[in-house]
Amino acid sequence: MLKDLITASRSYRSFDNRSKITREQLLDWVDCARLCPSTINMQVLKFRLVIKQEECDAMLANTRWAGKIKDMKIPPEGHAPVAYIVICADTDVTETAAEKFLKDVGICAQTILLAATEAGFGGCMIGSFSAERTSTLLSLPANLIPQLVLGLGKPDERVEIVGAAADGSVTYYRENGIHYVQKRALKDLVLE
């Protein structure tokens, strides 16, 4: 069921580096995103696939993970993503691509992560990165503006969904090696 797939698709931050992702798998996941609705059907997004080890290492160094967890290195040493997809806005399609089409970035990112989850992989949306440095590292042309980075791999950590804290906090946290994600109750989200 779709709801099971959504529940399994978490923000994973630790991966089994022995399980590789092929270019064909990445292309299939991007093809799923290609079919998504797009604002005014402009289709301004382009996707840079990253699977070469040296590029993956450079992308890891250019990203910051789990800003709320200060007491540990994330991802742990030796547990980095084995692939990345950099979602870019193409200003050749429209000059307002970077601002006006951000919702398309989210739709495509979620679709890619759901496709990855269905294939037994997982990932994390990474918004904390240098777009300028990413462009340089990946030799992107000036018309492609990085909007979001997806780190991908075979998750090797346990992530559990729990309710919000008694004080209403929804901050994620780690305890005994488990990553907990607090979610508000449905009754707290639906407006009557």
N, C-alpha and C. Protein backbone atom coordinates (compact mmCIF):
# COMPACT_ATOMS: atom_id res chain seq x y z
N MET A 1 0.83 -1.20 0.00
CA MET A 1 0.00 0.00 0.00
C MET A 1 0.87 1.25 0.00
N LEU A 2 0.31 2.30 -0.53
CA LEU A 2 1.04 3.56 -0.60
C LEU A 2 1.41 4.06 0.80
N LYS A 3 0.49 3.95 1.76
CA LYS A 3 0.76 4.45 3.10
C LYS A 3 1.94 3.70 3.73
N ASP A 4 2.06 2.40 3.48
CA ASP A 4 3.21 1.63 3.98
C ASP A 4 4.50 2.13 3.37
N LEU A 5 4.48 2.43 2.08
CA LEU A 5 5.65 2.95 1.38
C LEU A 5 6.05 4.31 1.94
N ILE A 6 5.07 5.16 2.18
CA ILE A 6 5.33 6.49 2.76
C ILE A 6 5.92 6.35 4.16
N THR A 7 5.38 5.44 4.96
CA THR A 7 5.88 5.22 6.32
C THR A 7 7.31 4.70 6.30
N ALA A 8 7.64 3.86 5.33
CA ALA A 8 9.00 3.30 5.23
C ALA A 8 10.00 4.31 4.67
N SER A 9 9.52 5.31 3.97
CA SER A 9 10.40 6.32 3.37
C SER A 9 10.70 7.40 4.40
N ARG A 10 11.78 7.21 5.13
CA ARG A 10 12.20 8.15 6.17
C ARG A 10 13.42 8.92 5.69
N SER A 11 13.89 9.88 6.46
CA SER A 11 15.17 10.54 6.20
C SER A 11 16.25 9.68 6.82
N TYR A 12 16.88 8.86 5.99
CA TYR A 12 17.96 8.00 6.46
C TYR A 12 19.29 8.73 6.38
N ARG A 13 20.12 8.51 7.40
CA ARG A 13 21.39 9.22 7.47
C ARG A 13 22.57 8.29 7.71
N SER A 14 22.37 7.01 7.50
CA SER A 14 23.43 6.01 7.63
C SER A 14 23.14 4.89 6.63
N PHE A 15 24.17 4.53 5.85
CA PHE A 15 23.97 3.60 4.74
C PHE A 15 25.01 2.49 4.73
N ASP A 16 24.62 1.35 4.19
CA ASP A 16 25.52 0.22 3.99
C ASP A 16 26.26 0.45 2.68
N ASN A 17 27.53 0.78 2.76
CA ASN A 17 28.32 1.12 1.57
C ASN A 17 28.59 -0.06 0.65
N ARG A 18 28.29 -1.28 1.10
CA ARG A 18 28.47 -2.46 0.25
C ARG A 18 27.35 -2.59 -0.77
N SER A 19 26.22 -1.96 -0.54
CA SER A 19 25.07 -2.03 -1.45
C SER A 19 25.11 -0.82 -2.38
N LYS A 20 25.47 -1.06 -3.62
CA LYS A 20 25.61 0.03 -4.60
C LYS A 20 24.29 0.28 -5.33
N ILE A 21 24.16 1.47 -5.84
CA ILE A 21 23.03 1.87 -6.68
C ILE A 21 23.57 2.07 -8.08
N THR A 22 22.89 1.51 -9.07
CA THR A 22 23.35 1.64 -10.45
C THR A 22 22.81 2.92 -11.09
N ARG A 23 23.46 3.31 -12.15
CA ARG A 23 22.99 4.46 -12.93
C ARG A 23 21.58 4.19 -13.45
N GLU A 24 21.32 2.94 -13.84
CA GLU A 24 20.00 2.58 -14.37
C GLU A 24 18.92 2.75 -13.30
N GLN A 25 19.24 2.40 -12.06
CA GLN A 25 18.27 2.60 -10.97
C GLN A 25 18.00 4.09 -10.77
N LEU A 26 19.06 4.90 -10.76
CA LEU A 26 18.88 6.34 -10.61
C LEU A 26 18.04 6.90 -11.75
N LEU A 27 18.31 6.46 -12.97
CA LEU A 27 17.53 6.92 -14.12
C LEU A 27 16.06 6.54 -13.98
N ASP A 28 15.79 5.34 -13.49
CA ASP A 28 14.41 4.90 -13.29
C ASP A 28 13.71 5.80 -12.27
N TRP A 29 14.40 6.13 -11.18
CA TRP A 29 13.80 6.98 -10.15
C TRP A 29 13.55 8.39 -10.67
N VAL A 30 14.48 8.91 -11.46
CA VAL A 30 14.28 10.24 -12.06
C VAL A 30 13.15 10.18 -13.08
N ASP A 31 13.02 9.06 -13.78
CA ASP A 31 11.92 8.91 -14.73
C ASP A 31 10.58 8.98 -14.01
N CYS A 32 10.49 8.44 -12.80
CA CYS A 32 9.27 8.58 -12.00
C CYS A 32 8.99 10.06 -11.72
N ALA A 33 10.04 10.80 -11.36
CA ALA A 33 9.88 12.24 -11.08
C ALA A 33 9.49 13.00 -12.35
N ARG A 34 10.01 12.58 -13.48
CA ARG A 34 9.70 13.22 -14.76
C ARG A 34 8.20 13.20 -15.04
N LEU A 35 7.52 12.18 -14.56
CA LEU A 35 6.09 12.03 -14.82
C LEU A 35 5.21 12.83 -13.87
N CYS A 36 5.81 13.43 -12.85
CA CYS A 36 5.04 14.19 -11.85
C CYS A 36 4.43 15.46 -12.43
N PRO A 37 3.38 15.96 -11.78
CA PRO A 37 2.86 17.26 -12.17
C PRO A 37 3.94 18.32 -12.02
N SER A 38 3.87 19.34 -12.83
CA SER A 38 4.84 20.42 -12.81
C SER A 38 4.10 21.75 -12.93
N THR A 39 4.53 22.74 -12.18
CA THR A 39 3.90 24.06 -12.22
C THR A 39 3.83 24.56 -13.66
N ILE A 40 2.65 24.90 -14.09
CA ILE A 40 2.33 25.33 -15.46
C ILE A 40 2.94 24.40 -16.51
N ASN A 41 3.22 23.18 -16.12
CA ASN A 41 3.85 22.16 -16.96
C ASN A 41 5.14 22.66 -17.62
N MET A 42 5.86 23.54 -16.91
CA MET A 42 7.10 24.11 -17.45
C MET A 42 8.26 23.11 -17.42
N GLN A 43 8.25 22.17 -16.47
CA GLN A 43 9.28 21.15 -16.38
C GLN A 43 10.69 21.77 -16.36
N VAL A 44 10.90 22.62 -15.36
CA VAL A 44 12.17 23.37 -15.27
C VAL A 44 13.29 22.60 -14.58
N LEU A 45 12.98 21.45 -14.01
CA LEU A 45 13.99 20.75 -13.22
C LEU A 45 14.85 19.82 -14.09
N LYS A 46 16.13 19.78 -13.72
CA LYS A 46 17.10 18.86 -14.32
C LYS A 46 17.76 18.12 -13.15
N PHE A 47 18.27 16.94 -13.41
CA PHE A 47 18.77 16.07 -12.36
C PHE A 47 20.19 15.63 -12.68
N ARG A 48 21.11 15.96 -11.80
CA ARG A 48 22.51 15.53 -11.97
C ARG A 48 22.73 14.28 -11.13
N LEU A 49 23.03 13.17 -11.78
CA LEU A 49 23.28 11.91 -11.09
C LEU A 49 24.73 11.87 -10.64
N VAL A 50 24.95 11.43 -9.41
CA VAL A 50 26.30 11.35 -8.85
C VAL A 50 26.50 9.93 -8.33
N ILE A 51 27.39 9.16 -9.00
CA ILE A 51 27.67 7.80 -8.55
C ILE A 51 29.17 7.50 -8.50
N LYS A 52 29.99 8.33 -9.14
CA LYS A 52 31.44 8.12 -9.07
C LYS A 52 31.90 8.40 -7.65
N GLN A 53 32.78 7.55 -7.13
CA GLN A 53 33.20 7.66 -5.74
C GLN A 53 33.79 9.03 -5.41
N GLU A 54 34.63 9.57 -6.28
CA GLU A 54 35.24 10.87 -5.99
C GLU A 54 34.21 11.99 -5.93
N GLU A 55 33.18 11.90 -6.76
CA GLU A 55 32.11 12.90 -6.71
C GLU A 55 31.26 12.72 -5.47
N CYS A 56 31.00 11.46 -5.09
CA CYS A 56 30.25 11.20 -3.86
C CYS A 56 31.00 11.74 -2.64
N ASP A 57 32.31 11.53 -2.60
CA ASP A 57 33.12 12.05 -1.50
C ASP A 57 33.06 13.57 -1.44
N ALA A 58 33.11 14.21 -2.61
CA ALA A 58 33.05 15.68 -2.66
C ALA A 58 31.68 16.17 -2.21
N MET A 59 30.62 15.47 -2.61
CA MET A 59 29.27 15.88 -2.21
C MET A 59 29.10 15.73 -0.70
N LEU A 60 29.62 14.65 -0.13
CA LEU A 60 29.52 14.46 1.32
C LEU A 60 30.18 15.62 2.05
N ALA A 61 31.36 16.03 1.58
CA ALA A 61 32.09 17.13 2.22
C ALA A 61 31.36 18.46 2.05
N ASN A 62 30.48 18.55 1.07
CA ASN A 62 29.77 19.79 0.76
C ASN A 62 28.37 19.84 1.40
N THR A 63 28.04 18.86 2.21
CA THR A 63 26.71 18.82 2.83
C THR A 63 26.82 18.77 4.35
N ARG A 64 25.77 19.25 5.01
CA ARG A 64 25.66 19.14 6.48
C ARG A 64 24.38 18.37 6.77
N TRP A 65 24.48 17.46 7.73
CA TRP A 65 23.40 16.53 8.02
C TRP A 65 22.88 16.69 9.44
N ALA A 66 21.58 16.52 9.61
CA ALA A 66 20.93 16.43 10.93
C ALA A 66 21.42 17.51 11.90
N GLY A 67 21.15 18.74 11.56
CA GLY A 67 21.62 19.87 12.35
C GLY A 67 21.20 19.86 13.81
N LYS A 68 20.12 19.16 14.15
CA LYS A 68 19.65 19.12 15.53
C LYS A 68 20.39 18.10 16.39
N ILE A 69 21.17 17.23 15.73
CA ILE A 69 21.94 16.23 16.49
C ILE A 69 23.39 16.69 16.52
N LYS A 70 23.80 17.17 17.66
CA LYS A 70 25.12 17.80 17.79
C LYS A 70 26.21 16.86 18.31
N ASP A 71 25.83 15.76 18.96
CA ASP A 71 26.80 14.95 19.69
C ASP A 71 27.37 13.77 18.90
N MET A 72 27.09 13.69 17.58
CA MET A 72 27.66 12.60 16.79
C MET A 72 27.85 13.01 15.34
N LYS A 73 28.76 12.35 14.65
CA LYS A 73 29.01 12.61 13.23
C LYS A 73 27.94 11.88 12.42
N ILE A 74 27.29 12.64 11.56
CA ILE A 74 26.25 12.06 10.71
C ILE A 74 26.52 12.51 9.28
N PRO A 75 26.53 11.55 8.32
CA PRO A 75 26.49 10.11 8.55
C PRO A 75 27.76 9.62 9.24
N PRO A 76 27.66 8.49 9.95
CA PRO A 76 28.84 7.95 10.62
C PRO A 76 29.94 7.60 9.61
N GLU A 77 31.17 7.62 10.05
CA GLU A 77 32.29 7.27 9.19
C GLU A 77 32.05 5.91 8.53
N GLY A 78 32.21 5.85 7.21
CA GLY A 78 32.02 4.61 6.47
C GLY A 78 30.58 4.29 6.14
N HIS A 79 29.65 5.21 6.43
CA HIS A 79 28.23 4.97 6.19
C HIS A 79 27.58 6.09 5.39
N ALA A 80 28.34 6.66 4.48
CA ALA A 80 27.84 7.75 3.64
C ALA A 80 26.98 7.21 2.50
N PRO A 81 26.22 8.10 1.86
CA PRO A 81 25.45 7.66 0.69
C PRO A 81 26.38 7.11 -0.40
N VAL A 82 25.86 6.19 -1.19
CA VAL A 82 26.63 5.65 -2.31
C VAL A 82 26.27 6.35 -3.62
N ALA A 83 25.28 7.23 -3.57
CA ALA A 83 24.87 8.00 -4.75
C ALA A 83 24.14 9.26 -4.28
N TYR A 84 24.11 10.23 -5.16
CA TYR A 84 23.37 11.47 -4.92
C TYR A 84 22.62 11.83 -6.19
N ILE A 85 21.54 12.54 -6.02
CA ILE A 85 20.87 13.21 -7.14
C ILE A 85 20.76 14.67 -6.74
N VAL A 86 21.30 15.54 -7.57
CA VAL A 86 21.21 16.98 -7.34
C VAL A 86 20.08 17.50 -8.23
N ILE A 87 19.06 18.05 -7.60
CA ILE A 87 17.93 18.60 -8.34
C ILE A 87 18.23 20.06 -8.63
N CYS A 88 18.22 20.40 -9.91
CA CYS A 88 18.59 21.76 -10.35
C CYS A 88 17.42 22.42 -11.08
N ALA A 89 17.34 23.73 -10.95
CA ALA A 89 16.39 24.53 -11.73
C ALA A 89 17.14 25.05 -12.95
N ASP A 90 16.52 24.93 -14.10
CA ASP A 90 17.14 25.36 -15.36
C ASP A 90 16.62 26.74 -15.74
N THR A 91 17.46 27.76 -15.59
CA THR A 91 17.04 29.13 -15.89
C THR A 91 16.93 29.38 -17.39
N ASP A 92 17.38 28.44 -18.22
CA ASP A 92 17.16 28.57 -19.67
C ASP A 92 15.69 28.30 -20.01
N VAL A 93 15.00 27.50 -19.17
CA VAL A 93 13.58 27.24 -19.39
C VAL A 93 12.78 28.47 -19.00
N THR A 94 13.11 29.03 -17.85
CA THR A 94 12.50 30.29 -17.39
C THR A 94 13.43 30.92 -16.36
N GLU A 95 13.59 32.22 -16.42
CA GLU A 95 14.50 32.91 -15.51
C GLU A 95 14.05 32.85 -14.07
N THR A 96 12.76 32.63 -13.84
CA THR A 96 12.25 32.59 -12.46
C THR A 96 12.25 31.17 -11.90
N ALA A 97 12.97 30.26 -12.55
CA ALA A 97 12.93 28.84 -12.16
C ALA A 97 13.27 28.62 -10.69
N ALA A 98 14.28 29.28 -10.20
CA ALA A 98 14.74 29.01 -8.84
C ALA A 98 13.72 29.41 -7.78
N GLU A 99 12.95 30.44 -8.01
CA GLU A 99 12.01 30.91 -6.99
C GLU A 99 10.60 30.35 -7.17
N LYS A 100 10.09 30.41 -8.36
CA LYS A 100 8.69 30.11 -8.61
C LYS A 100 8.36 28.62 -8.59
N PHE A 101 9.37 27.77 -8.76
CA PHE A 101 9.10 26.35 -8.96
C PHE A 101 9.61 25.47 -7.84
N LEU A 102 9.78 26.04 -6.64
CA LEU A 102 10.29 25.26 -5.52
C LEU A 102 9.36 24.10 -5.13
N LYS A 103 8.07 24.27 -5.31
CA LYS A 103 7.15 23.17 -4.99
C LYS A 103 7.42 21.97 -5.88
N ASP A 104 7.84 22.20 -7.12
CA ASP A 104 8.18 21.10 -8.01
C ASP A 104 9.37 20.30 -7.48
N VAL A 105 10.32 21.00 -6.86
CA VAL A 105 11.49 20.35 -6.27
C VAL A 105 11.03 19.35 -5.20
N GLY A 106 10.13 19.78 -4.32
CA GLY A 106 9.63 18.91 -3.27
C GLY A 106 8.86 17.72 -3.81
N ILE A 107 8.03 17.95 -4.81
CA ILE A 107 7.25 16.87 -5.41
C ILE A 107 8.18 15.83 -6.02
N CYS A 108 9.17 16.29 -6.76
CA CYS A 108 10.10 15.36 -7.42
C CYS A 108 10.99 14.64 -6.40
N ALA A 109 11.45 15.36 -5.39
CA ALA A 109 12.30 14.73 -4.37
C ALA A 109 11.55 13.62 -3.65
N GLN A 110 10.31 13.89 -3.25
CA GLN A 110 9.52 12.87 -2.56
C GLN A 110 9.26 11.68 -3.47
N THR A 111 8.98 11.92 -4.72
CA THR A 111 8.73 10.84 -5.67
C THR A 111 9.97 9.97 -5.84
N ILE A 112 11.13 10.58 -5.96
CA ILE A 112 12.39 9.83 -6.09
C ILE A 112 12.62 8.99 -4.84
N LEU A 113 12.41 9.56 -3.66
CA LEU A 113 12.63 8.81 -2.43
C LEU A 113 11.63 7.66 -2.28
N LEU A 114 10.40 7.84 -2.72
CA LEU A 114 9.43 6.74 -2.68
C LEU A 114 9.84 5.63 -3.65
N ALA A 115 10.33 6.00 -4.82
CA ALA A 115 10.80 5.00 -5.78
C ALA A 115 12.01 4.25 -5.22
N ALA A 116 12.91 4.97 -4.57
CA ALA A 116 14.08 4.34 -3.95
C ALA A 116 13.64 3.38 -2.85
N THR A 117 12.69 3.80 -2.04
CA THR A 117 12.19 2.95 -0.96
C THR A 117 11.56 1.68 -1.51
N GLU A 118 10.78 1.82 -2.56
CA GLU A 118 10.15 0.66 -3.18
C GLU A 118 11.19 -0.34 -3.68
N ALA A 119 12.36 0.17 -4.09
CA ALA A 119 13.44 -0.69 -4.60
C ALA A 119 14.34 -1.22 -3.49
N GLY A 120 14.01 -0.91 -2.22
CA GLY A 120 14.80 -1.41 -1.10
C GLY A 120 15.92 -0.49 -0.67
N PHE A 121 15.90 0.74 -1.17
CA PHE A 121 16.91 1.73 -0.80
C PHE A 121 16.23 2.85 0.00
N GLY A 122 16.94 3.90 0.25
CA GLY A 122 16.38 5.04 0.96
C GLY A 122 17.28 6.23 0.77
N GLY A 123 16.92 7.32 1.41
CA GLY A 123 17.72 8.52 1.24
C GLY A 123 17.33 9.63 2.18
N CYS A 124 17.92 10.76 1.92
CA CYS A 124 17.68 11.94 2.74
C CYS A 124 17.70 13.17 1.86
N MET A 125 16.72 14.04 2.04
CA MET A 125 16.73 15.34 1.37
C MET A 125 17.68 16.24 2.14
N ILE A 126 18.63 16.82 1.44
CA ILE A 126 19.64 17.66 2.09
C ILE A 126 19.53 19.07 1.53
N GLY A 127 19.08 19.97 2.39
CA GLY A 127 18.97 21.37 1.99
C GLY A 127 20.16 22.19 2.45
N SER A 128 20.97 21.61 3.32
CA SER A 128 22.11 22.32 3.88
C SER A 128 23.37 21.97 3.08
N PHE A 129 23.58 22.73 2.02
CA PHE A 129 24.73 22.54 1.14
C PHE A 129 25.02 23.85 0.42
N SER A 130 26.20 23.97 -0.14
CA SER A 130 26.56 25.16 -0.92
C SER A 130 26.22 24.91 -2.38
N ALA A 131 25.26 25.67 -2.90
CA ALA A 131 24.87 25.53 -4.30
C ALA A 131 26.04 25.92 -5.22
N GLU A 132 26.75 26.96 -4.85
CA GLU A 132 27.88 27.42 -5.66
C GLU A 132 28.98 26.36 -5.72
N ARG A 133 29.30 25.80 -4.56
CA ARG A 133 30.34 24.76 -4.52
C ARG A 133 29.87 23.50 -5.25
N THR A 134 28.60 23.15 -5.14
CA THR A 134 28.06 22.00 -5.86
C THR A 134 28.21 22.21 -7.36
N SER A 135 27.87 23.40 -7.83
CA SER A 135 28.01 23.71 -9.25
C SER A 135 29.45 23.52 -9.72
N THR A 136 30.38 23.99 -8.90
CA THR A 136 31.80 23.86 -9.24
C THR A 136 32.24 22.40 -9.21
N LEU A 137 31.89 21.69 -8.13
CA LEU A 137 32.30 20.28 -7.99
C LEU A 137 31.81 19.41 -9.14
N LEU A 138 30.61 19.68 -9.61
CA LEU A 138 29.99 18.84 -10.64
C LEU A 138 30.06 19.46 -12.03
N SER A 139 30.78 20.59 -12.16
CA SER A 139 30.94 21.28 -13.44
C SER A 139 29.61 21.57 -14.12
N LEU A 140 28.67 22.08 -13.32
CA LEU A 140 27.35 22.40 -13.86
C LEU A 140 27.41 23.69 -14.66
N PRO A 141 26.70 23.77 -15.78
CA PRO A 141 26.64 25.03 -16.52
C PRO A 141 25.90 26.10 -15.70
N ALA A 142 26.14 27.36 -16.01
CA ALA A 142 25.60 28.48 -15.24
C ALA A 142 24.08 28.51 -15.18
N ASN A 143 23.40 27.93 -16.18
CA ASN A 143 21.93 27.95 -16.20
C ASN A 143 21.30 26.95 -15.25
N LEU A 144 22.08 26.03 -14.68
CA LEU A 144 21.54 25.03 -13.76
C LEU A 144 21.87 25.40 -12.33
N ILE A 145 20.83 25.71 -11.55
CA ILE A 145 20.98 26.17 -10.18
C ILE A 145 20.57 25.05 -9.22
N PRO A 146 21.53 24.47 -8.46
CA PRO A 146 21.17 23.41 -7.52
C PRO A 146 20.17 23.90 -6.48
N GLN A 147 19.11 23.11 -6.30
CA GLN A 147 18.04 23.45 -5.36
C GLN A 147 18.00 22.52 -4.15
N LEU A 148 18.30 21.25 -4.38
CA LEU A 148 18.20 20.25 -3.31
C LEU A 148 19.10 19.07 -3.68
N VAL A 149 19.68 18.46 -2.66
CA VAL A 149 20.52 17.28 -2.84
C VAL A 149 19.83 16.09 -2.18
N LEU A 150 19.80 14.97 -2.87
CA LEU A 150 19.29 13.73 -2.29
C LEU A 150 20.48 12.79 -2.10
N GLY A 151 20.73 12.40 -0.86
CA GLY A 151 21.74 11.38 -0.57
C GLY A 151 21.04 10.03 -0.54
N LEU A 152 21.58 9.05 -1.26
CA LEU A 152 20.88 7.77 -1.45
C LEU A 152 21.77 6.57 -1.14
N GLY A 153 21.15 5.51 -0.66
CA GLY A 153 21.86 4.27 -0.37
C GLY A 153 20.93 3.27 0.28
N LYS A 154 21.51 2.18 0.72
CA LYS A 154 20.77 1.13 1.43
C LYS A 154 20.83 1.48 2.91
N PRO A 155 19.73 1.89 3.53
CA PRO A 155 19.75 2.29 4.94
C PRO A 155 20.26 1.17 5.84
N ASP A 156 21.10 1.52 6.80
CA ASP A 156 21.54 0.55 7.79
C ASP A 156 21.29 1.07 9.20
N GLU A 157 20.26 1.87 9.33
CA GLU A 157 19.86 2.38 10.64
C GLU A 157 18.36 2.17 10.82
N ARG A 158 17.94 2.20 12.04
CA ARG A 158 16.52 2.05 12.36
C ARG A 158 15.93 3.43 12.64
N VAL A 159 14.85 3.74 11.96
CA VAL A 159 14.14 5.01 12.16
C VAL A 159 12.71 4.66 12.54
N GLU A 160 12.24 5.25 13.64
CA GLU A 160 10.88 4.98 14.11
C GLU A 160 10.09 6.27 14.24
N ILE A 161 8.84 6.19 13.87
CA ILE A 161 7.92 7.32 14.03
C ILE A 161 7.26 7.20 15.39
N VAL A 162 7.27 8.30 16.13
CA VAL A 162 6.61 8.37 17.43
C VAL A 162 5.78 9.64 17.48
N GLY A 163 4.92 9.74 18.46
CA GLY A 163 4.09 10.93 18.63
C GLY A 163 4.90 12.12 19.12
N ALA A 164 4.28 13.26 19.07
CA ALA A 164 4.92 14.48 19.56
C ALA A 164 5.14 14.37 21.07
N ALA A 165 6.12 15.09 21.57
CA ALA A 165 6.40 15.10 23.01
C ALA A 165 5.23 15.75 23.75
N ALA A 166 5.16 15.55 25.05
CA ALA A 166 4.09 16.11 25.88
C ALA A 166 4.03 17.63 25.75
N ASP A 167 5.19 18.26 25.54
CA ASP A 167 5.20 19.72 25.40
C ASP A 167 4.91 20.18 23.97
N GLY A 168 4.61 19.22 23.07
CA GLY A 168 4.29 19.56 21.68
C GLY A 168 5.50 19.56 20.75
N SER A 169 6.69 19.31 21.29
CA SER A 169 7.91 19.30 20.49
C SER A 169 7.87 18.18 19.45
N VAL A 170 8.38 18.47 18.27
CA VAL A 170 8.49 17.46 17.22
C VAL A 170 9.93 17.34 16.73
N THR A 171 10.87 17.63 17.60
CA THR A 171 12.29 17.52 17.26
C THR A 171 12.69 16.06 17.17
N TYR A 172 13.41 15.71 16.10
CA TYR A 172 13.89 14.33 16.00
C TYR A 172 15.06 14.15 16.96
N TYR A 173 15.31 12.90 17.34
CA TYR A 173 16.39 12.62 18.29
C TYR A 173 16.85 11.18 18.13
N ARG A 174 18.01 10.87 18.71
CA ARG A 174 18.55 9.50 18.70
C ARG A 174 18.70 9.02 20.12
N GLU A 175 18.34 7.75 20.31
CA GLU A 175 18.44 7.14 21.63
C GLU A 175 18.69 5.65 21.44
N ASN A 176 19.74 5.13 22.08
CA ASN A 176 20.09 3.71 21.98
C ASN A 176 20.22 3.24 20.53
N GLY A 177 20.81 4.10 19.68
CA GLY A 177 21.05 3.74 18.29
C GLY A 177 19.84 3.83 17.38
N ILE A 178 18.72 4.27 17.89
CA ILE A 178 17.50 4.39 17.08
C ILE A 178 17.23 5.88 16.84
N HIS A 179 16.89 6.21 15.59
CA HIS A 179 16.55 7.59 15.23
C HIS A 179 15.02 7.72 15.33
N TYR A 180 14.56 8.59 16.23
CA TYR A 180 13.13 8.79 16.43
C TYR A 180 12.67 10.08 15.75
N VAL A 181 11.56 9.96 15.04
CA VAL A 181 10.96 11.10 14.35
C VAL A 181 9.60 11.34 14.97
N GLN A 182 9.44 12.49 15.62
CA GLN A 182 8.17 12.81 16.25
C GLN A 182 7.20 13.41 15.22
N LYS A 183 5.99 12.90 15.23
CA LYS A 183 4.95 13.39 14.31
C LYS A 183 3.73 13.82 15.11
N ARG A 184 3.17 14.94 14.70
CA ARG A 184 1.93 15.40 15.33
C ARG A 184 0.80 14.43 14.97
N ALA A 185 -0.20 14.37 15.82
CA ALA A 185 -1.36 13.50 15.58
C ALA A 185 -2.23 14.08 14.47
N LEU A 186 -2.91 13.22 13.76
CA LEU A 186 -3.79 13.64 12.66
C LEU A 186 -4.82 14.66 13.15
N LYS A 187 -5.38 14.43 14.36
CA LYS A 187 -6.40 15.35 14.88
C LYS A 187 -5.86 16.76 15.10
N ASP A 188 -4.53 16.88 15.25
CA ASP A 188 -3.92 18.19 15.44
C ASP A 188 -3.63 18.91 14.13
N LEU A 189 -3.82 18.24 13.02
CA LEU A 189 -3.50 18.82 11.71
C LEU A 189 -4.73 19.19 10.89
N VAL A 190 -5.85 18.53 11.15
CA VAL A 190 -7.05 18.74 10.35
C VAL A 190 -7.86 19.89 10.95
N LEU A 191 -8.14 20.87 10.11
CA LEU A 191 -8.93 22.04 10.54
C LEU A 191 -10.41 21.75 10.28
N GLU A 192 -11.21 22.04 11.27
CA GLU A 192 -12.66 21.83 11.14
C GLU A 192 -13.36 23.15 10.85
